PDB file of N, CA and C in Angstrom:
ATOM      1  N   MET A   1      -3.830  24.265  25.954  1.00  0.00           N
ATOM      2  CA  MET A   1      -2.703  23.737  25.218  1.00  0.00           C
ATOM      3  C   MET A   1      -3.154  22.489  24.462  1.00  0.00           C
ATOM      4  N   ASN A   2      -2.774  22.419  23.202  1.00  0.00           N
ATOM      5  CA  ASN A   2      -3.103  21.263  22.372  1.00  0.00           C
ATOM      6  C   ASN A   2      -2.209  20.084  22.734  1.00  0.00           C
ATOM      7  N   PRO A   3      -2.675  18.868  22.414  1.00  0.00           N
ATOM      8  CA  PRO A   3      -1.840  17.682  22.653  1.00  0.00           C
ATOM      9  C   PRO A   3      -0.517  17.770  21.897  1.00  0.00           C
ATOM     10  N   ARG A   4       0.461  17.078  22.396  1.00  0.00           N
ATOM     11  CA  ARG A   4       1.796  17.061  21.804  1.00  0.00           C
ATOM     12  C   ARG A   4       2.046  15.712  21.129  1.00  0.00           C
ATOM     13  N   VAL A   5       3.026  15.698  20.246  1.00  0.00           N
ATOM     14  CA  VAL A   5       3.369  14.499  19.484  1.00  0.00           C
ATOM     15  C   VAL A   5       4.057  13.489  20.397  1.00  0.00           C
ATOM     16  N   LYS A   6       3.577  12.256  20.318  1.00  0.00           N
ATOM     17  CA  LYS A   6       4.166  11.157  21.086  1.00  0.00           C
ATOM     18  C   LYS A   6       4.928  10.192  20.174  1.00  0.00           C
ATOM     19  N   GLU A   7       4.410   9.979  18.954  1.00  0.00           N
ATOM     20  CA  GLU A   7       5.053   9.103  17.974  1.00  0.00           C
ATOM     21  C   GLU A   7       4.864   9.708  16.591  1.00  0.00           C
ATOM     22  N   VAL A   8       5.822   9.446  15.704  1.00  0.00           N
ATOM     23  CA  VAL A   8       5.713   9.918  14.320  1.00  0.00           C
ATOM     24  C   VAL A   8       6.264   8.865  13.367  1.00  0.00           C
ATOM     25  N   TYR A   9       5.586   8.715  12.220  1.00  0.00           N
ATOM     26  CA  TYR A   9       6.001   7.785  11.178  1.00  0.00           C
ATOM     27  C   TYR A   9       5.871   8.504   9.841  1.00  0.00           C
ATOM     28  N   SER A  10       6.935   8.493   9.048  1.00  0.00           N
ATOM     29  CA  SER A  10       6.901   9.175   7.746  1.00  0.00           C
ATOM     30  C   SER A  10       6.401   8.223   6.663  1.00  0.00           C
ATOM     31  N   ASN A  11       5.694   8.801   5.681  1.00  0.00           N
ATOM     32  CA  ASN A  11       5.164   8.055   4.537  1.00  0.00           C
ATOM     33  C   ASN A  11       5.806   8.569   3.254  1.00  0.00           C
ATOM     34  N   ASN A  12       5.757   7.754   2.198  1.00  0.00           N
ATOM     35  CA  ASN A  12       6.355   8.123   0.912  1.00  0.00           C
ATOM     36  C   ASN A  12       5.655   9.277   0.208  1.00  0.00           C
ATOM     37  N   ASP A  13       4.439   9.617   0.631  1.00  0.00           N
ATOM     38  CA  ASP A  13       3.685  10.694  -0.016  1.00  0.00           C
ATOM     39  C   ASP A  13       3.820  12.028   0.730  1.00  0.00           C
ATOM     40  N   TYR A  14       4.870  12.177   1.512  1.00  0.00           N
ATOM     41  CA  TYR A  14       5.142  13.394   2.295  1.00  0.00           C
ATOM     42  C   TYR A  14       4.043  13.683   3.320  1.00  0.00           C
ATOM     43  N   THR A  15       3.489  12.631   3.872  1.00  0.00           N
ATOM     44  CA  THR A  15       2.607  12.777   5.022  1.00  0.00           C
ATOM     45  C   THR A  15       3.266  12.107   6.213  1.00  0.00           C
ATOM     46  N   LEU A  16       2.804  12.491   7.373  1.00  0.00           N
ATOM     47  CA  LEU A  16       3.289  11.912   8.625  1.00  0.00           C
ATOM     48  C   LEU A  16       2.099  11.323   9.371  1.00  0.00           C
ATOM     49  N   ILE A  17       2.260  10.131   9.879  1.00  0.00           N
ATOM     50  CA  ILE A  17       1.285   9.571  10.812  1.00  0.00           C
ATOM     51  C   ILE A  17       1.732  10.013  12.189  1.00  0.00           C
ATOM     52  N   ILE A  18       0.845  10.679  12.893  1.00  0.00           N
ATOM     53  CA  ILE A  18       1.163  11.251  14.193  1.00  0.00           C
ATOM     54  C   ILE A  18       0.284  10.608  15.259  1.00  0.00           C
ATOM     55  N   ILE A  19       0.898  10.179  16.341  1.00  0.00           N
ATOM     56  CA  ILE A  19       0.170   9.748  17.539  1.00  0.00           C
ATOM     57  C   ILE A  19       0.427  10.828  18.589  1.00  0.00           C
ATOM     58  N   PHE A  20      -0.649  11.390  19.100  1.00  0.00           N
ATOM     59  CA  PHE A  20      -0.544  12.461  20.086  1.00  0.00           C
ATOM     60  C   PHE A  20      -0.590  11.900  21.503  1.00  0.00           C
ATOM     61  N   ASP A  21      -0.182  12.715  22.460  1.00  0.00           N
ATOM     62  CA  ASP A  21      -0.119  12.236  23.840  1.00  0.00           C
ATOM     63  C   ASP A  21      -1.489  12.028  24.484  1.00  0.00           C
ATOM     64  N   ASN A  22      -2.562  12.393  23.778  1.00  0.00           N
ATOM     65  CA  ASN A  22      -3.915  12.073  24.249  1.00  0.00           C
ATOM     66  C   ASN A  22      -4.444  10.826  23.530  1.00  0.00           C
ATOM     67  N   ASP A  23      -3.541  10.135  22.800  1.00  0.00           N
ATOM     68  CA  ASP A  23      -3.802   8.904  22.049  1.00  0.00           C
ATOM     69  C   ASP A  23      -4.645   9.100  20.793  1.00  0.00           C
ATOM     70  N   GLU A  24      -4.872  10.340  20.370  1.00  0.00           N
ATOM     71  CA  GLU A  24      -5.478  10.579  19.068  1.00  0.00           C
ATOM     72  C   GLU A  24      -4.424  10.289  18.004  1.00  0.00           C
ATOM     73  N   MET A  25      -4.904   9.911  16.813  1.00  0.00           N
ATOM     74  CA  MET A  25      -4.002   9.705  15.689  1.00  0.00           C
ATOM     75  C   MET A  25      -4.426  10.650  14.574  1.00  0.00           C
ATOM     76  N   GLY A  26      -3.438  11.204  13.884  1.00  0.00           N
ATOM     77  CA  GLY A  26      -3.732  12.095  12.776  1.00  0.00           C
ATOM     78  C   GLY A  26      -2.733  11.932  11.653  1.00  0.00           C
ATOM     79  N   ILE A  27      -3.123  12.430  10.481  1.00  0.00           N
ATOM     80  CA  ILE A  27      -2.244  12.466   9.326  1.00  0.00           C
ATOM     81  C   ILE A  27      -1.931  13.937   9.059  1.00  0.00           C
ATOM     82  N   PHE A  28      -0.644  14.273   9.080  1.00  0.00           N
ATOM     83  CA  PHE A  28      -0.198  15.637   8.808  1.00  0.00           C
ATOM     84  C   PHE A  28       0.444  15.652   7.435  1.00  0.00           C
ATOM     85  N   ASP A  29      -0.122  16.446   6.528  1.00  0.00           N
ATOM     86  CA  ASP A  29       0.355  16.542   5.155  1.00  0.00           C
ATOM     87  C   ASP A  29       1.383  17.665   5.057  1.00  0.00           C
ATOM     88  N   VAL A  30       2.605  17.304   4.718  1.00  0.00           N
ATOM     89  CA  VAL A  30       3.695  18.285   4.629  1.00  0.00           C
ATOM     90  C   VAL A  30       3.763  18.906   3.235  1.00  0.00           C
ATOM     91  N   THR A  31       3.093  18.332   2.230  1.00  0.00           N
ATOM     92  CA  THR A  31       3.236  18.819   0.857  1.00  0.00           C
ATOM     93  C   THR A  31       2.938  20.314   0.679  1.00  0.00           C
ATOM     94  N   PRO A  32       1.988  20.916   1.390  1.00  0.00           N
ATOM     95  CA  PRO A  32       1.774  22.358   1.196  1.00  0.00           C
ATOM     96  C   PRO A  32       2.983  23.224   1.593  1.00  0.00           C
ATOM     97  N   TYR A  33       3.887  22.666   2.349  1.00  0.00           N
ATOM     98  CA  TYR A  33       5.042  23.421   2.840  1.00  0.00           C
ATOM     99  C   TYR A  33       6.307  23.195   1.999  1.00  0.00           C
ATOM    100  N   LEU A  34       6.292  22.222   1.111  1.00  0.00           N
ATOM    101  CA  LEU A  34       7.506  21.823   0.394  1.00  0.00           C
ATOM    102  C   LEU A  34       8.035  22.877  -0.577  1.00  0.00           C
ATOM    103  N   ASP A  35       7.246  23.890  -0.874  1.00  0.00           N
ATOM    104  CA  ASP A  35       7.681  24.983  -1.751  1.00  0.00           C
ATOM    105  C   ASP A  35       7.909  26.279  -0.977  1.00  0.00           C
ATOM    106  N   LYS A  36       7.982  26.195   0.337  1.00  0.00           N
ATOM    107  CA  LYS A  36       8.079  27.399   1.172  1.00  0.00           C
ATOM    108  C   LYS A  36       9.389  27.434   1.952  1.00  0.00           C
ATOM    109  N   GLY A  37      10.199  28.431   1.647  1.00  0.00           N
ATOM    110  CA  GLY A  37      11.398  28.720   2.428  1.00  0.00           C
ATOM    111  C   GLY A  37      12.250  27.512   2.752  1.00  0.00           C
ATOM    112  N   ILE A  38      12.607  27.415   4.026  1.00  0.00           N
ATOM    113  CA  ILE A  38      13.515  26.350   4.462  1.00  0.00           C
ATOM    114  C   ILE A  38      12.896  24.958   4.350  1.00  0.00           C
ATOM    115  N   PHE A  39      11.571  24.884   4.273  1.00  0.00           N
ATOM    116  CA  PHE A  39      10.917  23.580   4.201  1.00  0.00           C
ATOM    117  C   PHE A  39      11.141  22.881   2.863  1.00  0.00           C
ATOM    118  N   THR A  40      11.684  23.591   1.853  1.00  0.00           N
ATOM    119  CA  THR A  40      12.011  22.932   0.587  1.00  0.00           C
ATOM    120  C   THR A  40      13.036  21.821   0.809  1.00  0.00           C
ATOM    121  N   GLN A  41      13.810  21.918   1.875  1.00  0.00           N
ATOM    122  CA  GLN A  41      14.801  20.879   2.199  1.00  0.00           C
ATOM    123  C   GLN A  41      14.145  19.522   2.450  1.00  0.00           C
ATOM    124  N   LEU A  42      12.880  19.540   2.842  1.00  0.00           N
ATOM    125  CA  LEU A  42      12.182  18.288   3.147  1.00  0.00           C
ATOM    126  C   LEU A  42      11.826  17.494   1.901  1.00  0.00           C
ATOM    127  N   ARG A  43      12.017  18.072   0.712  1.00  0.00           N
ATOM    128  CA  ARG A  43      11.816  17.319  -0.527  1.00  0.00           C
ATOM    129  C   ARG A  43      12.807  16.162  -0.625  1.00  0.00           C
ATOM    130  N   ASP A  44      13.957  16.325  -0.007  1.00  0.00           N
ATOM    131  CA  ASP A  44      14.971  15.258   0.024  1.00  0.00           C
ATOM    132  C   ASP A  44      14.419  14.133   0.905  1.00  0.00           C
ATOM    133  N   ARG A  45      14.168  12.989   0.295  1.00  0.00           N
ATOM    134  CA  ARG A  45      13.539  11.872   1.024  1.00  0.00           C
ATOM    135  C   ARG A  45      14.339  11.436   2.252  1.00  0.00           C
ATOM    136  N   SER A  46      15.655  11.466   2.155  1.00  0.00           N
ATOM    137  CA  SER A  46      16.450  11.038   3.307  1.00  0.00           C
ATOM    138  C   SER A  46      16.244  11.986   4.488  1.00  0.00           C
ATOM    139  N   ILE A  47      16.080  13.257   4.208  1.00  0.00           N
ATOM    140  CA  ILE A  47      15.797  14.210   5.293  1.00  0.00           C
ATOM    141  C   ILE A  47      14.375  13.999   5.789  1.00  0.00           C
ATOM    142  N   PHE A  48      13.410  13.923   4.852  1.00  0.00           N
ATOM    143  CA  PHE A  48      12.019  13.753   5.267  1.00  0.00           C
ATOM    144  C   PHE A  48      11.836  12.510   6.125  1.00  0.00           C
ATOM    145  N   ASN A  49      12.472  11.428   5.729  1.00  0.00           N
ATOM    146  CA  ASN A  49      12.320  10.166   6.464  1.00  0.00           C
ATOM    147  C   ASN A  49      13.055  10.144   7.794  1.00  0.00           C
ATOM    148  N   SER A  50      13.803  11.197   8.103  1.00  0.00           N
ATOM    149  CA  SER A  50      14.505  11.264   9.388  1.00  0.00           C
ATOM    150  C   SER A  50      13.627  11.859  10.498  1.00  0.00           C
ATOM    151  N   ALA A  51      12.346  12.059  10.220  1.00  0.00           N
ATOM    152  CA  ALA A  51      11.428  12.651  11.203  1.00  0.00           C
ATOM    153  C   ALA A  51      11.454  11.872  12.513  1.00  0.00           C
ATOM    154  N   LYS A  52      11.511  12.621  13.606  1.00  0.00           N
ATOM    155  CA  LYS A  52      11.491  12.002  14.939  1.00  0.00           C
ATOM    156  C   LYS A  52      10.748  12.937  15.895  1.00  0.00           C
ATOM    157  N   VAL A  53      10.380  12.406  17.028  1.00  0.00           N
ATOM    158  CA  VAL A  53       9.729  13.212  18.064  1.00  0.00           C
ATOM    159  C   VAL A  53      10.810  13.940  18.851  1.00  0.00           C
ATOM    160  N   PHE A  54      10.584  15.229  19.054  1.00  0.00           N
ATOM    161  CA  PHE A  54      11.513  16.038  19.847  1.00  0.00           C
ATOM    162  C   PHE A  54      10.715  17.109  20.566  1.00  0.00           C
ATOM    163  N   LEU A  55      10.728  17.071  21.880  1.00  0.00           N
ATOM    164  CA  LEU A  55      10.048  18.060  22.724  1.00  0.00           C
ATOM    165  C   LEU A  55       8.583  18.275  22.325  1.00  0.00           C
ATOM    166  N   GLY A  56       7.884  17.184  22.035  1.00  0.00           N
ATOM    167  CA  GLY A  56       6.453  17.248  21.761  1.00  0.00           C
ATOM    168  C   GLY A  56       6.076  17.656  20.358  1.00  0.00           C
ATOM    169  N   THR A  57       7.054  17.731  19.471  1.00  0.00           N
ATOM    170  CA  THR A  57       6.764  18.048  18.080  1.00  0.00           C
ATOM    171  C   THR A  57       7.571  17.120  17.188  1.00  0.00           C
ATOM    172  N   VAL A  58       7.564  17.391  15.886  1.00  0.00           N
ATOM    173  CA  VAL A  58       8.342  16.617  14.925  1.00  0.00           C
ATOM    174  C   VAL A  58       9.556  17.437  14.530  1.00  0.00           C
ATOM    175  N   GLN A  59      10.708  16.793  14.531  1.00  0.00           N
ATOM    176  CA  GLN A  59      11.943  17.441  14.098  1.00  0.00           C
ATOM    177  C   GLN A  59      12.660  16.504  13.135  1.00  0.00           C
ATOM    178  N   TRP A  60      13.350  17.112  12.165  1.00  0.00           N
ATOM    179  CA  TRP A  60      14.117  16.344  11.197  1.00  0.00           C
ATOM    180  C   TRP A  60      15.599  16.468  11.496  1.00  0.00           C
ATOM    181  N   ALA A  61      16.405  15.604  10.877  1.00  0.00           N
ATOM    182  CA  ALA A  61      17.849  15.547  11.130  1.00  0.00           C
ATOM    183  C   ALA A  61      18.551  16.873  10.857  1.00  0.00           C
ATOM    184  N   ASN A  62      17.994  17.685   9.965  1.00  0.00           N
ATOM    185  CA  ASN A  62      18.611  18.979   9.660  1.00  0.00           C
ATOM    186  C   ASN A  62      18.159  20.091  10.612  1.00  0.00           C
ATOM    187  N   GLY A  63      17.366  19.740  11.634  1.00  0.00           N
ATOM    188  CA  GLY A  63      16.942  20.711  12.646  1.00  0.00           C
ATOM    189  C   GLY A  63      15.607  21.376  12.373  1.00  0.00           C
ATOM    190  N   LEU A  64      15.014  21.170  11.204  1.00  0.00           N
ATOM    191  CA  LEU A  64      13.702  21.747  10.909  1.00  0.00           C
ATOM    192  C   LEU A  64      12.649  21.132  11.814  1.00  0.00           C
ATOM    193  N   ASP A  65      11.665  21.940  12.160  1.00  0.00           N
ATOM    194  CA  ASP A  65      10.545  21.425  12.944  1.00  0.00           C
ATOM    195  C   ASP A  65       9.309  22.263  12.663  1.00  0.00           C
ATOM    196  N   PHE A  66       8.186  21.779  13.139  1.00  0.00           N
ATOM    197  CA  PHE A  66       6.920  22.498  13.061  1.00  0.00           C
ATOM    198  C   PHE A  66       6.453  22.802  14.474  1.00  0.00           C
ATOM    199  N   CYS A  67       5.694  23.860  14.598  1.00  0.00           N
ATOM    200  CA  CYS A  67       5.045  24.161  15.867  1.00  0.00           C
ATOM    201  C   CYS A  67       4.109  22.991  16.194  1.00  0.00           C
ATOM    202  N   PRO A  68       4.151  22.481  17.414  1.00  0.00           N
ATOM    203  CA  PRO A  68       3.273  21.347  17.755  1.00  0.00           C
ATOM    204  C   PRO A  68       1.792  21.692  17.617  1.00  0.00           C
ATOM    205  N   ASP A  69       1.423  22.944  17.821  1.00  0.00           N
ATOM    206  CA  ASP A  69       0.022  23.336  17.645  1.00  0.00           C
ATOM    207  C   ASP A  69      -0.391  23.241  16.179  1.00  0.00           C
ATOM    208  N   THR A  70       0.499  23.632  15.275  1.00  0.00           N
ATOM    209  CA  THR A  70       0.218  23.509  13.842  1.00  0.00           C
ATOM    210  C   THR A  70      -0.003  22.053  13.475  1.00  0.00           C
ATOM    211  N   ILE A  71       0.855  21.195  13.954  1.00  0.00           N
ATOM    212  CA  ILE A  71       0.719  19.769  13.637  1.00  0.00           C
ATOM    213  C   ILE A  71      -0.616  19.236  14.134  1.00  0.00           C
ATOM    214  N   TYR A  72      -0.980  19.573  15.349  1.00  0.00           N
ATOM    215  CA  TYR A  72      -2.242  19.075  15.890  1.00  0.00           C
ATOM    216  C   TYR A  72      -3.444  19.657  15.136  1.00  0.00           C
ATOM    217  N   LEU A  73      -3.469  20.963  14.966  1.00  0.00           N
ATOM    218  CA  LEU A  73      -4.635  21.621  14.363  1.00  0.00           C
ATOM    219  C   LEU A  73      -4.813  21.286  12.886  1.00  0.00           C
ATOM    220  N   GLU A  74      -3.716  21.049  12.170  1.00  0.00           N
ATOM    221  CA  GLU A  74      -3.810  20.781  10.740  1.00  0.00           C
ATOM    222  C   GLU A  74      -3.825  19.297  10.392  1.00  0.00           C
ATOM    223  N   SER A  75      -3.688  18.428  11.376  1.00  0.00           N
ATOM    224  CA  SER A  75      -3.744  16.987  11.127  1.00  0.00           C
ATOM    225  C   SER A  75      -5.188  16.549  10.919  1.00  0.00           C
ATOM    226  N   LYS A  76      -5.360  15.622   9.978  1.00  0.00           N
ATOM    227  CA  LYS A  76      -6.677  15.015   9.793  1.00  0.00           C
ATOM    228  C   LYS A  76      -6.754  13.861  10.770  1.00  0.00           C
ATOM    229  N   LYS A  77      -7.649  13.986  11.737  1.00  0.00           N
ATOM    230  CA  LYS A  77      -7.762  12.967  12.786  1.00  0.00           C
ATOM    231  C   LYS A  77      -8.374  11.693  12.223  1.00  0.00           C
ATOM    232  N   GLN A  78      -7.841  10.586  12.662  1.00  0.00           N
ATOM    233  CA  GLN A  78      -8.275   9.274  12.198  1.00  0.00           C
ATOM    234  C   GLN A  78      -9.147   8.604  13.238  1.00  0.00           C
TER     235      GLN A  78
END
């Protein structure tokens, strides 16, 4: 099992700074998803900036979330 999200911070460039429960830090770029299905809703800055940690992943106020494994595997580790 991959590490889970412990902290999340949204950036103006549609990236997320992620701190994982193993204390690794990564940058997750959401821009590749902004033209896909329900994720187009994240173009709205107020929704995007509502990112929070929920059950080891990132969830937004409108209920959208990503698989925690996707976030970990696709994050650029810092």
